[in-house]
Amino acid sequence: MRSFVKIKEETDASLHLVKESGLYGYALLTAFTAIGYGAASYSQDSYFWQTVYLTFGVFMGLACMEDYEECVFNKTDKDIRLTKQTIWDRILSVISQRPASVVVFNIEDVTGVHVKEETVTYFGKGYQVVLFMNSGIDVGVTDSFIFGRESSEHTKLADKIKEFLNLYQHPEGLSDDSSSDSGEDGFEHITDQVIEEELKKDQQ
């Protein structure tokens, strides 16, 4: 199963979302490593080439691992922090302690949360939860579309973010002004009917 965004931590002031490589990525890593190990074990080549076969298999498996992504909503700091790391970035960060690149947005700039859909040949439909900003740009909670998952899961995540950010929208085409106007028009219509009936009674 491909990875999906999970809620790592949720409090009144913070919502921490994480996307990690799922079973699909680990299955590919295991498969390529097994192929490399098999090629190294049954070949009659030197130890150097056997090491190359095994290393290449592990390398290919790691290349298929999905990126690690974080999205943190923080009401206290009033910001949204998006972090993305490939498997190589994570390995290098352990070795060299290099900090991950982070993109920061103002949490008060978010005006809406929606789910975008994309159809790709041979892969099916992919979905991405997107934040609408008042500057007119769209910011994805994940860097790319996620395939192999139902749209309902993405909708639930979008609703969770809306609930956390207190984003409530009026139904399309309905506003307080329009509802009040329709109420006044209905009242005037009823009043006209009553007057017409009274006039008919007087004439009789």
N, C-alpha and C. Protein backbone atom coordinates (compact mmCIF):
# COMPACT_ATOMS: atom_id res chain seq x y z
N MET A 1 0.84 -1.19 0.00
CA MET A 1 0.00 0.00 0.00
C MET A 1 0.88 1.25 0.00
N ARG A 2 0.53 2.22 -0.85
CA ARG A 2 1.29 3.45 -0.92
C ARG A 2 1.03 4.29 0.32
N SER A 3 1.97 5.16 0.61
CA SER A 3 1.88 5.95 1.83
C SER A 3 0.79 7.01 1.72
N PHE A 4 0.35 7.47 2.86
CA PHE A 4 -0.65 8.52 2.92
C PHE A 4 -0.29 9.42 4.09
N VAL A 5 -0.86 10.61 4.09
CA VAL A 5 -0.58 11.57 5.15
C VAL A 5 -1.24 11.10 6.45
N LYS A 6 -0.47 11.05 7.52
CA LYS A 6 -0.98 10.64 8.82
C LYS A 6 -0.85 11.78 9.82
N ILE A 7 -1.72 11.78 10.79
CA ILE A 7 -1.65 12.78 11.86
C ILE A 7 -0.69 12.26 12.93
N LYS A 8 0.46 12.90 13.03
CA LYS A 8 1.46 12.49 14.01
C LYS A 8 1.15 13.05 15.39
N GLU A 9 0.65 14.28 15.42
CA GLU A 9 0.33 14.93 16.70
C GLU A 9 -0.76 15.95 16.48
N GLU A 10 -1.70 16.02 17.39
CA GLU A 10 -2.79 16.98 17.29
C GLU A 10 -3.12 17.54 18.67
N THR A 11 -3.01 18.85 18.79
CA THR A 11 -3.39 19.56 20.01
C THR A 11 -4.25 20.75 19.61
N ASP A 12 -4.66 21.53 20.60
CA ASP A 12 -5.45 22.73 20.30
C ASP A 12 -4.64 23.76 19.53
N ALA A 13 -3.32 23.76 19.71
CA ALA A 13 -2.47 24.78 19.09
C ALA A 13 -1.64 24.26 17.93
N SER A 14 -1.60 22.93 17.73
CA SER A 14 -0.73 22.39 16.69
C SER A 14 -1.36 21.17 16.02
N LEU A 15 -1.12 21.07 14.71
CA LEU A 15 -1.53 19.91 13.93
C LEU A 15 -0.33 19.48 13.09
N HIS A 16 0.21 18.29 13.39
CA HIS A 16 1.43 17.81 12.76
C HIS A 16 1.10 16.64 11.84
N LEU A 17 1.27 16.85 10.52
CA LEU A 17 0.99 15.84 9.52
C LEU A 17 2.31 15.29 8.97
N VAL A 18 2.33 13.97 8.72
CA VAL A 18 3.55 13.31 8.24
C VAL A 18 3.20 12.35 7.12
N LYS A 19 4.04 12.34 6.07
CA LYS A 19 3.93 11.36 4.99
C LYS A 19 5.26 10.64 4.86
N GLU A 20 5.24 9.33 5.06
CA GLU A 20 6.43 8.50 4.98
C GLU A 20 6.24 7.44 3.91
N SER A 21 7.32 6.78 3.57
CA SER A 21 7.24 5.70 2.60
C SER A 21 6.44 4.54 3.19
N GLY A 22 5.50 4.01 2.41
CA GLY A 22 4.63 2.95 2.90
C GLY A 22 5.16 1.56 2.55
N LEU A 23 4.28 0.58 2.65
CA LEU A 23 4.64 -0.81 2.37
C LEU A 23 5.10 -1.00 0.94
N TYR A 24 4.55 -0.20 0.04
CA TYR A 24 4.93 -0.29 -1.37
C TYR A 24 6.42 -0.01 -1.55
N GLY A 25 6.92 1.04 -0.90
CA GLY A 25 8.33 1.40 -1.00
C GLY A 25 9.24 0.37 -0.37
N TYR A 26 8.84 -0.13 0.81
CA TYR A 26 9.65 -1.14 1.48
C TYR A 26 9.65 -2.47 0.72
N ALA A 27 8.54 -2.76 0.04
CA ALA A 27 8.48 -3.99 -0.75
C ALA A 27 9.46 -3.91 -1.93
N LEU A 28 9.53 -2.74 -2.57
CA LEU A 28 10.48 -2.57 -3.67
C LEU A 28 11.92 -2.63 -3.17
N LEU A 29 12.17 -2.03 -2.01
CA LEU A 29 13.51 -2.09 -1.43
C LEU A 29 13.93 -3.53 -1.16
N THR A 30 13.02 -4.32 -0.60
CA THR A 30 13.31 -5.73 -0.32
C THR A 30 13.52 -6.51 -1.61
N ALA A 31 12.70 -6.23 -2.62
CA ALA A 31 12.80 -6.97 -3.88
C ALA A 31 14.13 -6.69 -4.59
N PHE A 32 14.50 -5.43 -4.69
CA PHE A 32 15.76 -5.10 -5.38
C PHE A 32 16.98 -5.60 -4.59
N THR A 33 16.89 -5.53 -3.27
CA THR A 33 18.00 -6.04 -2.45
C THR A 33 18.14 -7.55 -2.63
N ALA A 34 17.02 -8.25 -2.70
CA ALA A 34 17.05 -9.70 -2.91
C ALA A 34 17.63 -10.06 -4.28
N ILE A 35 17.29 -9.25 -5.29
CA ILE A 35 17.83 -9.50 -6.63
C ILE A 35 19.35 -9.29 -6.64
N GLY A 36 19.78 -8.21 -5.99
CA GLY A 36 21.21 -7.96 -5.91
C GLY A 36 21.94 -9.04 -5.15
N TYR A 37 21.34 -9.48 -4.07
CA TYR A 37 21.97 -10.54 -3.26
C TYR A 37 22.02 -11.85 -4.03
N GLY A 38 20.95 -12.14 -4.76
CA GLY A 38 20.93 -13.37 -5.55
C GLY A 38 21.97 -13.34 -6.66
N ALA A 39 22.09 -12.18 -7.32
CA ALA A 39 23.09 -12.06 -8.38
C ALA A 39 24.49 -12.22 -7.83
N ALA A 40 24.73 -11.68 -6.62
CA ALA A 40 26.05 -11.78 -6.01
C ALA A 40 26.34 -13.21 -5.54
N SER A 41 25.33 -13.89 -5.04
CA SER A 41 25.53 -15.24 -4.46
C SER A 41 25.77 -16.29 -5.53
N TYR A 42 25.05 -16.20 -6.65
CA TYR A 42 25.12 -17.27 -7.65
C TYR A 42 26.08 -16.97 -8.80
N SER A 43 26.70 -15.79 -8.77
CA SER A 43 27.65 -15.47 -9.82
C SER A 43 29.03 -16.04 -9.49
N GLN A 44 29.82 -16.25 -10.53
CA GLN A 44 31.17 -16.76 -10.37
C GLN A 44 32.20 -15.63 -10.47
N ASP A 45 31.71 -14.40 -10.38
CA ASP A 45 32.59 -13.24 -10.50
C ASP A 45 33.37 -13.04 -9.21
N SER A 46 34.27 -12.10 -9.26
CA SER A 46 35.11 -11.78 -8.10
C SER A 46 34.27 -11.12 -7.01
N TYR A 47 34.87 -11.01 -5.82
CA TYR A 47 34.16 -10.36 -4.70
C TYR A 47 33.83 -8.90 -5.01
N PHE A 48 34.68 -8.28 -5.81
CA PHE A 48 34.41 -6.89 -6.17
C PHE A 48 33.09 -6.76 -6.90
N TRP A 49 32.88 -7.61 -7.92
CA TRP A 49 31.64 -7.53 -8.70
C TRP A 49 30.44 -8.02 -7.90
N GLN A 50 30.65 -8.97 -7.02
CA GLN A 50 29.55 -9.40 -6.16
C GLN A 50 29.09 -8.26 -5.25
N THR A 51 30.05 -7.50 -4.76
CA THR A 51 29.72 -6.33 -3.94
C THR A 51 28.99 -5.28 -4.76
N VAL A 52 29.42 -5.14 -6.02
CA VAL A 52 28.75 -4.18 -6.91
C VAL A 52 27.30 -4.60 -7.14
N TYR A 53 27.03 -5.86 -7.36
CA TYR A 53 25.67 -6.34 -7.59
C TYR A 53 24.77 -6.05 -6.38
N LEU A 54 25.29 -6.38 -5.21
CA LEU A 54 24.50 -6.18 -3.99
C LEU A 54 24.27 -4.69 -3.74
N THR A 55 25.31 -3.88 -3.92
CA THR A 55 25.20 -2.44 -3.71
C THR A 55 24.21 -1.82 -4.70
N PHE A 56 24.26 -2.27 -5.94
CA PHE A 56 23.35 -1.74 -6.96
C PHE A 56 21.91 -2.09 -6.63
N GLY A 57 21.67 -3.30 -6.13
CA GLY A 57 20.32 -3.69 -5.76
C GLY A 57 19.78 -2.84 -4.63
N VAL A 58 20.61 -2.59 -3.60
CA VAL A 58 20.19 -1.73 -2.49
C VAL A 58 19.96 -0.31 -2.97
N PHE A 59 20.83 0.18 -3.84
CA PHE A 59 20.70 1.54 -4.37
C PHE A 59 19.38 1.70 -5.13
N MET A 60 19.05 0.75 -5.98
CA MET A 60 17.80 0.82 -6.74
C MET A 60 16.59 0.77 -5.82
N GLY A 61 16.67 -0.07 -4.78
CA GLY A 61 15.56 -0.15 -3.83
C GLY A 61 15.36 1.16 -3.08
N LEU A 62 16.45 1.79 -2.65
CA LEU A 62 16.35 3.07 -1.94
C LEU A 62 15.81 4.17 -2.85
N ALA A 63 16.16 4.09 -4.14
CA ALA A 63 15.69 5.09 -5.09
C ALA A 63 14.17 5.03 -5.27
N CYS A 64 13.58 3.87 -5.00
CA CYS A 64 12.13 3.71 -5.14
C CYS A 64 11.36 4.12 -3.88
N MET A 65 12.08 4.41 -2.82
CA MET A 65 11.41 4.82 -1.58
C MET A 65 10.80 6.21 -1.76
N GLU A 66 9.61 6.41 -1.21
CA GLU A 66 8.93 7.69 -1.34
C GLU A 66 9.55 8.72 -0.39
N ASP A 67 9.33 9.98 -0.73
CA ASP A 67 9.91 11.07 0.06
C ASP A 67 9.22 11.19 1.42
N TYR A 68 9.98 11.70 2.36
CA TYR A 68 9.46 11.98 3.70
C TYR A 68 9.02 13.44 3.72
N GLU A 69 7.76 13.68 4.10
CA GLU A 69 7.22 15.04 4.10
C GLU A 69 6.51 15.33 5.42
N GLU A 70 6.62 16.58 5.84
CA GLU A 70 5.95 17.04 7.05
C GLU A 70 5.20 18.33 6.75
N CYS A 71 4.08 18.50 7.41
CA CYS A 71 3.31 19.74 7.34
C CYS A 71 2.83 20.03 8.76
N VAL A 72 3.31 21.12 9.32
CA VAL A 72 3.00 21.46 10.71
C VAL A 72 2.25 22.79 10.75
N PHE A 73 1.01 22.74 11.27
CA PHE A 73 0.22 23.96 11.50
C PHE A 73 0.40 24.36 12.97
N ASN A 74 0.84 25.59 13.19
CA ASN A 74 1.11 26.05 14.55
C ASN A 74 0.38 27.36 14.79
N LYS A 75 -0.66 27.31 15.63
CA LYS A 75 -1.42 28.52 15.93
C LYS A 75 -0.65 29.47 16.85
N THR A 76 0.23 28.94 17.65
CA THR A 76 1.01 29.79 18.57
C THR A 76 1.97 30.68 17.79
N ASP A 77 2.72 30.08 16.87
CA ASP A 77 3.66 30.84 16.04
C ASP A 77 2.99 31.44 14.81
N LYS A 78 1.73 31.05 14.56
CA LYS A 78 0.96 31.53 13.42
C LYS A 78 1.66 31.23 12.09
N ASP A 79 2.15 30.02 11.95
CA ASP A 79 2.82 29.66 10.70
C ASP A 79 2.51 28.22 10.31
N ILE A 80 2.82 27.91 9.06
CA ILE A 80 2.72 26.56 8.50
C ILE A 80 4.09 26.21 7.96
N ARG A 81 4.66 25.10 8.41
CA ARG A 81 6.00 24.69 7.99
C ARG A 81 5.91 23.40 7.18
N LEU A 82 6.41 23.48 5.95
CA LEU A 82 6.43 22.33 5.05
C LEU A 82 7.86 21.84 4.89
N THR A 83 8.08 20.56 5.13
CA THR A 83 9.40 19.96 5.03
C THR A 83 9.35 18.75 4.10
N LYS A 84 10.34 18.65 3.22
CA LYS A 84 10.41 17.50 2.31
C LYS A 84 11.85 17.00 2.27
N GLN A 85 12.02 15.67 2.42
CA GLN A 85 13.33 15.04 2.38
C GLN A 85 13.26 13.74 1.58
N THR A 86 14.20 13.56 0.68
CA THR A 86 14.34 12.27 0.01
C THR A 86 15.05 11.32 0.97
N ILE A 87 15.12 10.05 0.60
CA ILE A 87 15.80 9.08 1.45
C ILE A 87 17.28 9.42 1.57
N TRP A 88 17.84 9.99 0.50
CA TRP A 88 19.26 10.39 0.54
C TRP A 88 19.47 11.57 1.47
N ASP A 89 18.50 12.51 1.46
CA ASP A 89 18.60 13.66 2.37
C ASP A 89 18.57 13.20 3.82
N ARG A 90 17.74 12.21 4.11
CA ARG A 90 17.64 11.72 5.48
C ARG A 90 18.92 11.00 5.91
N ILE A 91 19.49 10.23 4.99
CA ILE A 91 20.74 9.54 5.31
C ILE A 91 21.87 10.55 5.54
N LEU A 92 21.96 11.56 4.68
CA LEU A 92 23.00 12.57 4.81
C LEU A 92 22.80 13.42 6.06
N SER A 93 21.53 13.65 6.44
CA SER A 93 21.27 14.45 7.64
C SER A 93 21.74 13.72 8.90
N VAL A 94 21.71 12.39 8.88
CA VAL A 94 22.21 11.62 10.02
C VAL A 94 23.72 11.67 10.08
N ILE A 95 24.35 11.61 8.89
CA ILE A 95 25.81 11.60 8.85
C ILE A 95 26.39 12.98 9.12
N SER A 96 25.87 13.98 8.42
CA SER A 96 26.44 15.33 8.51
C SER A 96 25.62 16.28 9.37
N GLN A 97 24.43 15.81 9.87
CA GLN A 97 23.54 16.64 10.67
C GLN A 97 23.13 17.91 9.92
N ARG A 98 22.94 17.76 8.62
CA ARG A 98 22.52 18.88 7.80
C ARG A 98 21.03 19.12 8.00
N PRO A 99 20.60 20.34 8.31
CA PRO A 99 19.18 20.60 8.54
C PRO A 99 18.37 20.49 7.25
N ALA A 100 17.14 20.06 7.38
CA ALA A 100 16.27 19.94 6.22
C ALA A 100 15.77 21.30 5.78
N SER A 101 15.49 21.44 4.49
CA SER A 101 14.95 22.69 3.97
C SER A 101 13.48 22.81 4.36
N VAL A 102 13.10 23.98 4.82
CA VAL A 102 11.75 24.21 5.32
C VAL A 102 11.15 25.43 4.61
N VAL A 103 9.89 25.30 4.18
CA VAL A 103 9.16 26.42 3.59
C VAL A 103 8.09 26.85 4.59
N VAL A 104 8.03 28.15 4.87
CA VAL A 104 7.14 28.67 5.92
C VAL A 104 6.10 29.60 5.30
N PHE A 105 4.83 29.42 5.73
CA PHE A 105 3.74 30.28 5.30
C PHE A 105 3.01 30.80 6.54
N ASN A 106 2.33 31.92 6.37
CA ASN A 106 1.53 32.49 7.45
C ASN A 106 0.21 31.74 7.54
N ILE A 107 -0.11 31.24 8.71
CA ILE A 107 -1.33 30.44 8.87
C ILE A 107 -2.59 31.27 8.67
N GLU A 108 -2.49 32.58 8.88
CA GLU A 108 -3.65 33.45 8.73
C GLU A 108 -3.95 33.76 7.27
N ASP A 109 -3.05 33.37 6.36
CA ASP A 109 -3.28 33.60 4.94
C ASP A 109 -4.13 32.52 4.29
N VAL A 110 -4.41 31.45 5.01
CA VAL A 110 -5.20 30.35 4.45
C VAL A 110 -6.68 30.74 4.41
N THR A 111 -7.28 30.66 3.23
CA THR A 111 -8.69 31.00 3.07
C THR A 111 -9.57 29.79 2.79
N GLY A 112 -8.97 28.67 2.44
CA GLY A 112 -9.76 27.48 2.15
C GLY A 112 -8.88 26.25 2.00
N VAL A 113 -9.51 25.08 2.09
CA VAL A 113 -8.82 23.81 1.92
C VAL A 113 -9.64 22.95 0.97
N HIS A 114 -9.01 22.44 -0.07
CA HIS A 114 -9.73 21.66 -1.07
C HIS A 114 -8.90 20.44 -1.47
N VAL A 115 -9.54 19.54 -2.19
CA VAL A 115 -8.88 18.34 -2.71
C VAL A 115 -8.84 18.43 -4.23
N LYS A 116 -7.63 18.39 -4.79
CA LYS A 116 -7.45 18.41 -6.24
C LYS A 116 -7.31 16.98 -6.75
N GLU A 117 -7.78 16.77 -7.97
CA GLU A 117 -7.74 15.44 -8.58
C GLU A 117 -6.95 15.49 -9.89
N GLU A 118 -6.17 14.46 -10.12
CA GLU A 118 -5.38 14.35 -11.35
C GLU A 118 -5.43 12.92 -11.85
N THR A 119 -5.67 12.76 -13.16
CA THR A 119 -5.73 11.43 -13.76
C THR A 119 -4.50 11.21 -14.63
N VAL A 120 -3.77 10.14 -14.37
CA VAL A 120 -2.56 9.80 -15.13
C VAL A 120 -2.74 8.41 -15.73
N THR A 121 -2.40 8.29 -17.01
CA THR A 121 -2.53 7.00 -17.70
C THR A 121 -1.70 5.93 -17.00
N TYR A 122 -2.32 4.77 -16.80
CA TYR A 122 -1.72 3.58 -16.18
C TYR A 122 -1.58 3.71 -14.65
N PHE A 123 -1.78 4.89 -14.12
CA PHE A 123 -1.66 5.05 -12.68
C PHE A 123 -3.01 5.33 -12.01
N GLY A 124 -3.99 5.75 -12.78
CA GLY A 124 -5.30 6.04 -12.23
C GLY A 124 -5.40 7.48 -11.74
N LYS A 125 -6.23 7.67 -10.74
CA LYS A 125 -6.46 9.00 -10.20
C LYS A 125 -5.60 9.27 -8.97
N GLY A 126 -5.04 10.45 -8.94
CA GLY A 126 -4.27 10.88 -7.78
C GLY A 126 -4.92 12.10 -7.15
N TYR A 127 -4.69 12.28 -5.86
CA TYR A 127 -5.33 13.38 -5.13
C TYR A 127 -4.29 14.14 -4.32
N GLN A 128 -4.57 15.41 -4.12
CA GLN A 128 -3.68 16.26 -3.34
C GLN A 128 -4.51 17.25 -2.53
N VAL A 129 -4.26 17.32 -1.24
CA VAL A 129 -4.93 18.30 -0.39
C VAL A 129 -4.20 19.63 -0.54
N VAL A 130 -4.97 20.67 -0.89
CA VAL A 130 -4.37 21.95 -1.25
C VAL A 130 -4.92 23.05 -0.35
N LEU A 131 -4.03 23.94 0.08
CA LEU A 131 -4.41 25.12 0.85
C LEU A 131 -4.54 26.31 -0.09
N PHE A 132 -5.66 27.01 -0.04
CA PHE A 132 -5.84 28.23 -0.82
C PHE A 132 -5.42 29.41 0.04
N MET A 133 -4.50 30.25 -0.50
CA MET A 133 -3.99 31.40 0.22
C MET A 133 -4.64 32.67 -0.31
N ASN A 134 -4.73 33.70 0.54
CA ASN A 134 -5.36 34.95 0.11
C ASN A 134 -4.54 35.70 -0.93
N SER A 135 -3.28 35.27 -1.14
CA SER A 135 -2.44 35.88 -2.17
C SER A 135 -2.75 35.32 -3.56
N GLY A 136 -3.59 34.26 -3.61
CA GLY A 136 -3.97 33.67 -4.89
C GLY A 136 -3.22 32.41 -5.25
N ILE A 137 -2.23 32.01 -4.45
CA ILE A 137 -1.47 30.80 -4.75
C ILE A 137 -2.07 29.59 -4.04
N ASP A 138 -1.76 28.42 -4.56
CA ASP A 138 -2.18 27.16 -3.96
C ASP A 138 -0.96 26.46 -3.37
N VAL A 139 -1.09 25.95 -2.16
CA VAL A 139 0.01 25.27 -1.49
C VAL A 139 -0.44 23.86 -1.13
N GLY A 140 0.23 22.86 -1.67
CA GLY A 140 -0.12 21.48 -1.38
C GLY A 140 0.41 21.03 -0.04
N VAL A 141 -0.42 20.32 0.70
CA VAL A 141 0.05 19.74 1.97
C VAL A 141 1.16 18.73 1.69
N THR A 142 1.05 18.01 0.55
CA THR A 142 2.13 17.17 0.06
C THR A 142 2.64 17.77 -1.24
N ASP A 143 3.89 17.49 -1.56
CA ASP A 143 4.51 18.10 -2.73
C ASP A 143 3.93 17.56 -4.03
N SER A 144 3.41 16.35 -4.01
CA SER A 144 2.90 15.73 -5.23
C SER A 144 1.57 15.05 -4.95
N PHE A 145 0.90 14.64 -6.03
CA PHE A 145 -0.34 13.91 -5.91
C PHE A 145 -0.07 12.49 -5.39
N ILE A 146 -1.02 11.95 -4.65
CA ILE A 146 -0.89 10.61 -4.08
C ILE A 146 -1.83 9.69 -4.83
N PHE A 147 -1.28 8.61 -5.38
CA PHE A 147 -2.06 7.65 -6.15
C PHE A 147 -2.31 6.40 -5.33
N GLY A 148 -3.33 5.67 -5.72
CA GLY A 148 -3.63 4.41 -5.07
C GLY A 148 -4.41 4.55 -3.78
N ARG A 149 -4.97 5.73 -3.52
CA ARG A 149 -5.78 5.92 -2.31
C ARG A 149 -7.14 6.46 -2.71
N GLU A 150 -8.15 6.23 -1.87
CA GLU A 150 -9.49 6.72 -2.15
C GLU A 150 -9.59 8.21 -1.89
N SER A 151 -10.46 8.86 -2.65
CA SER A 151 -10.62 10.31 -2.49
C SER A 151 -11.22 10.66 -1.13
N SER A 152 -11.97 9.71 -0.54
CA SER A 152 -12.61 9.99 0.75
C SER A 152 -11.57 10.22 1.84
N GLU A 153 -10.43 9.55 1.75
CA GLU A 153 -9.37 9.75 2.74
C GLU A 153 -8.82 11.17 2.67
N HIS A 154 -8.67 11.67 1.46
CA HIS A 154 -8.18 13.04 1.28
C HIS A 154 -9.22 14.05 1.74
N THR A 155 -10.49 13.74 1.48
CA THR A 155 -11.56 14.64 1.92
C THR A 155 -11.61 14.73 3.44
N LYS A 156 -11.41 13.59 4.11
CA LYS A 156 -11.39 13.60 5.57
C LYS A 156 -10.24 14.44 6.11
N LEU A 157 -9.09 14.33 5.44
CA LEU A 157 -7.93 15.12 5.86
C LEU A 157 -8.19 16.61 5.65
N ALA A 158 -8.81 16.97 4.52
CA ALA A 158 -9.14 18.37 4.25
C ALA A 158 -10.12 18.90 5.30
N ASP A 159 -11.10 18.08 5.67
CA ASP A 159 -12.07 18.49 6.70
C ASP A 159 -11.39 18.66 8.06
N LYS A 160 -10.42 17.81 8.35
CA LYS A 160 -9.68 17.92 9.60
C LYS A 160 -8.91 19.24 9.67
N ILE A 161 -8.29 19.61 8.56
CA ILE A 161 -7.54 20.88 8.51
C ILE A 161 -8.50 22.06 8.63
N LYS A 162 -9.64 21.98 7.95
CA LYS A 162 -10.64 23.05 8.05
C LYS A 162 -11.11 23.22 9.49
N GLU A 163 -11.36 22.10 10.15
CA GLU A 163 -11.81 22.15 11.54
C GLU A 163 -10.74 22.77 12.43
N PHE A 164 -9.48 22.42 12.20
CA PHE A 164 -8.40 22.96 13.02
C PHE A 164 -8.23 24.46 12.79
N LEU A 165 -8.37 24.90 11.54
CA LEU A 165 -8.19 26.31 11.22
C LEU A 165 -9.48 27.13 11.36
N ASN A 166 -10.56 26.45 11.74
CA ASN A 166 -11.86 27.12 11.90
C ASN A 166 -12.30 27.79 10.60
N LEU A 167 -12.21 27.05 9.52
CA LEU A 167 -12.63 27.56 8.21
C LEU A 167 -14.00 26.98 7.88
N TYR A 168 -14.99 27.82 7.91
CA TYR A 168 -16.34 27.41 7.59
C TYR A 168 -16.84 28.28 6.46
N GLN A 169 -17.36 27.65 5.41
CA GLN A 169 -17.81 28.38 4.23
C GLN A 169 -19.31 28.28 4.10
N HIS A 170 -19.92 29.38 3.58
CA HIS A 170 -21.35 29.36 3.29
C HIS A 170 -21.58 28.53 2.04
N PRO A 171 -22.76 27.90 1.93
CA PRO A 171 -23.07 27.17 0.71
C PRO A 171 -23.01 28.10 -0.49
N GLU A 172 -22.64 27.56 -1.66
CA GLU A 172 -22.51 28.39 -2.84
C GLU A 172 -23.85 29.02 -3.21
N GLY A 173 -23.79 30.32 -3.58
CA GLY A 173 -24.98 31.04 -4.00
C GLY A 173 -25.88 31.46 -2.86
N LEU A 174 -25.46 31.27 -1.60
CA LEU A 174 -26.30 31.62 -0.47
C LEU A 174 -25.50 32.50 0.47
N SER A 175 -26.06 33.63 0.84
CA SER A 175 -25.41 34.53 1.77
C SER A 175 -26.47 35.12 2.68
N ASP A 176 -26.02 35.81 3.72
CA ASP A 176 -26.96 36.40 4.65
C ASP A 176 -27.81 37.45 3.98
N ASP A 177 -27.20 38.25 3.05
CA ASP A 177 -27.94 39.30 2.36
C ASP A 177 -29.02 38.71 1.48
N SER A 178 -28.65 37.65 0.73
CA SER A 178 -29.62 37.05 -0.18
C SER A 178 -30.76 36.42 0.59
N SER A 179 -30.47 35.79 1.74
CA SER A 179 -31.52 35.15 2.52
C SER A 179 -32.47 36.18 3.10
N SER A 180 -31.92 37.34 3.53
CA SER A 180 -32.77 38.38 4.09
C SER A 180 -33.63 39.00 3.02
N ASP A 181 -33.04 39.17 1.79
CA ASP A 181 -33.82 39.75 0.70
C ASP A 181 -34.95 38.84 0.30
N SER A 182 -34.69 37.54 0.22
CA SER A 182 -35.73 36.59 -0.17
C SER A 182 -36.84 36.57 0.87
N GLY A 183 -36.47 36.74 2.14
CA GLY A 183 -37.48 36.76 3.19
C GLY A 183 -38.40 37.96 3.05
N GLU A 184 -37.84 39.14 2.73
CA GLU A 184 -38.64 40.35 2.56
C GLU A 184 -39.53 40.22 1.34
N ASP A 185 -39.00 39.65 0.24
CA ASP A 185 -39.82 39.48 -0.97
C ASP A 185 -40.99 38.56 -0.69
N GLY A 186 -40.73 37.47 0.08
CA GLY A 186 -41.81 36.54 0.40
C GLY A 186 -42.87 37.20 1.25
N PHE A 187 -42.46 38.05 2.20
CA PHE A 187 -43.41 38.74 3.06
C PHE A 187 -44.29 39.70 2.25
N GLU A 188 -43.65 40.45 1.30
CA GLU A 188 -44.42 41.37 0.48
C GLU A 188 -45.40 40.62 -0.41
N HIS A 189 -45.01 39.44 -0.92
CA HIS A 189 -45.88 38.65 -1.78
C HIS A 189 -47.11 38.18 -1.01
N ILE A 190 -46.90 37.71 0.22
CA ILE A 190 -48.03 37.26 1.05
C ILE A 190 -48.96 38.42 1.37
N THR A 191 -48.41 39.60 1.65
CA THR A 191 -49.22 40.78 1.96
C THR A 191 -50.10 41.16 0.79
N ASP A 192 -49.58 41.11 -0.44
CA ASP A 192 -50.36 41.44 -1.63
C ASP A 192 -51.52 40.48 -1.80
N GLN A 193 -51.29 39.19 -1.54
CA GLN A 193 -52.37 38.21 -1.66
C GLN A 193 -53.50 38.51 -0.67
N VAL A 194 -53.14 38.85 0.56
CA VAL A 194 -54.15 39.15 1.58
C VAL A 194 -54.99 40.36 1.17
N ILE A 195 -54.37 41.39 0.62
CA ILE A 195 -55.09 42.60 0.19
C ILE A 195 -56.04 42.28 -0.94
N GLU A 196 -55.60 41.47 -1.92
CA GLU A 196 -56.47 41.10 -3.03
C GLU A 196 -57.69 40.33 -2.55
N GLU A 197 -57.51 39.40 -1.61
CA GLU A 197 -58.65 38.64 -1.09
C GLU A 197 -59.64 39.54 -0.36
N GLU A 198 -59.14 40.52 0.39
CA GLU A 198 -60.03 41.44 1.10
C GLU A 198 -60.84 42.28 0.14
N LEU A 199 -60.22 42.70 -0.99
CA LEU A 199 -60.92 43.49 -1.98
C LEU A 199 -62.04 42.68 -2.65
N LYS A 200 -61.77 41.40 -2.91
CA LYS A 200 -62.78 40.54 -3.53
C LYS A 200 -63.97 40.38 -2.60
N LYS A 201 -63.73 40.25 -1.29
CA LYS A 201 -64.82 40.10 -0.34
C LYS A 201 -65.69 41.35 -0.28
N ASP A 202 -65.06 42.52 -0.34
CA ASP A 202 -65.80 43.77 -0.30
C ASP A 202 -66.69 43.94 -1.54
N GLN A 203 -66.16 43.48 -2.71
CA GLN A 203 -66.93 43.59 -3.94
C GLN A 203 -68.16 42.69 -3.93
N GLN A 204 -68.03 41.54 -3.26
CA GLN A 204 -69.17 40.62 -3.18
C GLN A 204 -70.23 41.16 -2.22
